[in-house]
Amino acid sequence: MQQFLEESKKISREIATLSGEIKNRVLLEMADALMEHCDFIVSNNEKDMSHAKLNNLPEALLDRLLLTGERVEAMANALREIAALKEPVGRVLDGWVTQNGLNIQKVSIPIGVIGIIYESRPNVTSDTAALCFKSGNVCVLKGGKEAEHSNSAIANVLRHVLAKNKIPEQAISLIPDSSREGVATLIKQDKYVDLIIPRGGEALIRYVSENSTVPVVKHDKGLCHIFIDEAANHEKAIQIAINAKVQRPGVCNSMETLLIHKDVAPYILPPLYEAFMSYNTQLKGCEVTRKYIDIKCATQEDYDTEYLANILNIKVVKNVDEAIFHIAKHGSGHSESIISENYTTVNKFLNEVDAACVYANASTRFTDGGAFGLGAEVGISTNKLHSRGPMGINDLTTFKYKIYGNGQVR
C-alpha cells in the first residue's frame, strides 16, 4: 500500500500540470468509452446484483447498486457536464500589491492525492474520478464490496482512456487492498494522501473520522426535515413533502421527519396521510399527530434515525422556534426546508437553522451537485471546513500565494 500511494503522490505532480484543454478532451473520451462499454459495465453489475440479492441487501441499497443502460448514459452525461465546467485550477482568487511593491496573487491549485471511501453506488466511481481529474488531482478509490465488479469495470474503462492519451493510469485507481485493514492503512498515510472523503453509513464515517491522520471531509448521514408552517400553501406543502420522502427514499437528501405547525395540523394531516398511504409509506408520529391520523408511535430514537427507506416520522410543533430547536437537536447539518408564505418566518428559519443547505418552499431532494449546476459532486459535505454542501470541482482545490517581487528584502 505504501509503495502504491508513494507512486500516486509522485504522479500527482504531473496530473496537476495538465492543461484544461487536455483534461476536457480526455473527459469527453471517457464519456464515450463508458457508452461503448455499456454492456460490459452492466454485465459486471449483474454479478454484484446477484450477489447482493443472495445476501438479502435492503431494497434501498439494491436500488443504489443497480446499473442499467440508462444509468450508464447518465454517468457519461455527468462526465460531459464536468468537462464543460470552467477550469478550476489557476483561478486568481484574490490579488493585491503591498506597500513595498510585492505583487501577491492567491491562486487555486489541486489538493494532490484524494482518497475516497464509498459504499453501494458504482456511479460514484466515474463521478469522483472525473471530478478529481478535472481539478488536477489523483484519486484513490475504495468502493464497497457489494459493488466490486461494477467499480472495477468502470475504473478499467476510464484508466484505458488515460493510457491511450499517455497519461499515467494511476491517476484513477482502486486501492490494492480493499479490506478493512487496507482502509485502516490508507487513512494513516498522511505523507502521501492529502484528503480523505468518506461516503457511506454512520459507522464508516465515525471510524474514518476517529482514526484518520489525513484531513477528512465527511459525507455524513442525512437526517433531513421539512417544516410546514401555519402560513404554508397546503397544496404546495403536500406536493413537496411527498417528493422529499418517496421519490427516492434511499438517498441522503430524502426527508426523515416532517414537522407541522399545531394550527394547521388538524387540516393538513388527513390529506397528507392519504397521499403517503398511496405510496405505501410507513408513518410514525407524536401523540398530537396520532390524534388526527391512525399511525404508529414515534420514539426519540426514531427522530435520530436515518431510515434510507420509505419510512417517515411526523411531529407537531408549537411554532417555528420549536421546529428550529428540534432540527438543532436531531438534524445532521445536511438539508432542511420550510414551507411558508410568510417572508419573516422564512427568513428566520433560513438564518437560524444550521445546515449545509436550507430551503424555502422546495424539496430537500435538490441537494445534489447536478441539481446545483456543479456537474456532479464527490459528496455532500456536512463539515464546516473546508467544504460544505455538494462538493464540486472548486471544492477539490486549495490555494497558494504567488508573490512577484523586484529585489525586495526584509
Foldseek 3Di string as FASTA:
>chain_A
DLVLLVVQQVLLVVLQPDDLVVLLVLLLVLLVLLLVCVVVLQVLLVVLLVVCVVVVPDPLLSVQSHDDSVNSNVLSQLSNLLSPDDQQFFDFPDWDADPVGKTKTKTWTFQEEEEEEEERHLSLLSNVLSLQSSRSYQYEYAYDPSNVSNNVSSLVSSLVSCVVVVRHSRSRYYDPDNDPVSVLVVQAPVVRHAEYEYYDAQVVQVVSVVRGPHHYFYQYAAAEEEEEAPQFDLVLVLVQLCCLPQVRLQDRLRYAEYEYAPVCLLPNLVVSVVVLVVSVAQEEEDPVNCVRPPHHHDDPVSLQDSPSDSYHYYYYDHHLVVVLVSCVVRGLQAEYEYGHPDPVSRVVNVVRRRHLYYYYSHHSVCQFCVSVSLSGASHAGSDPPPDHTGHHSNNSIDIDMDIDDDPDDD
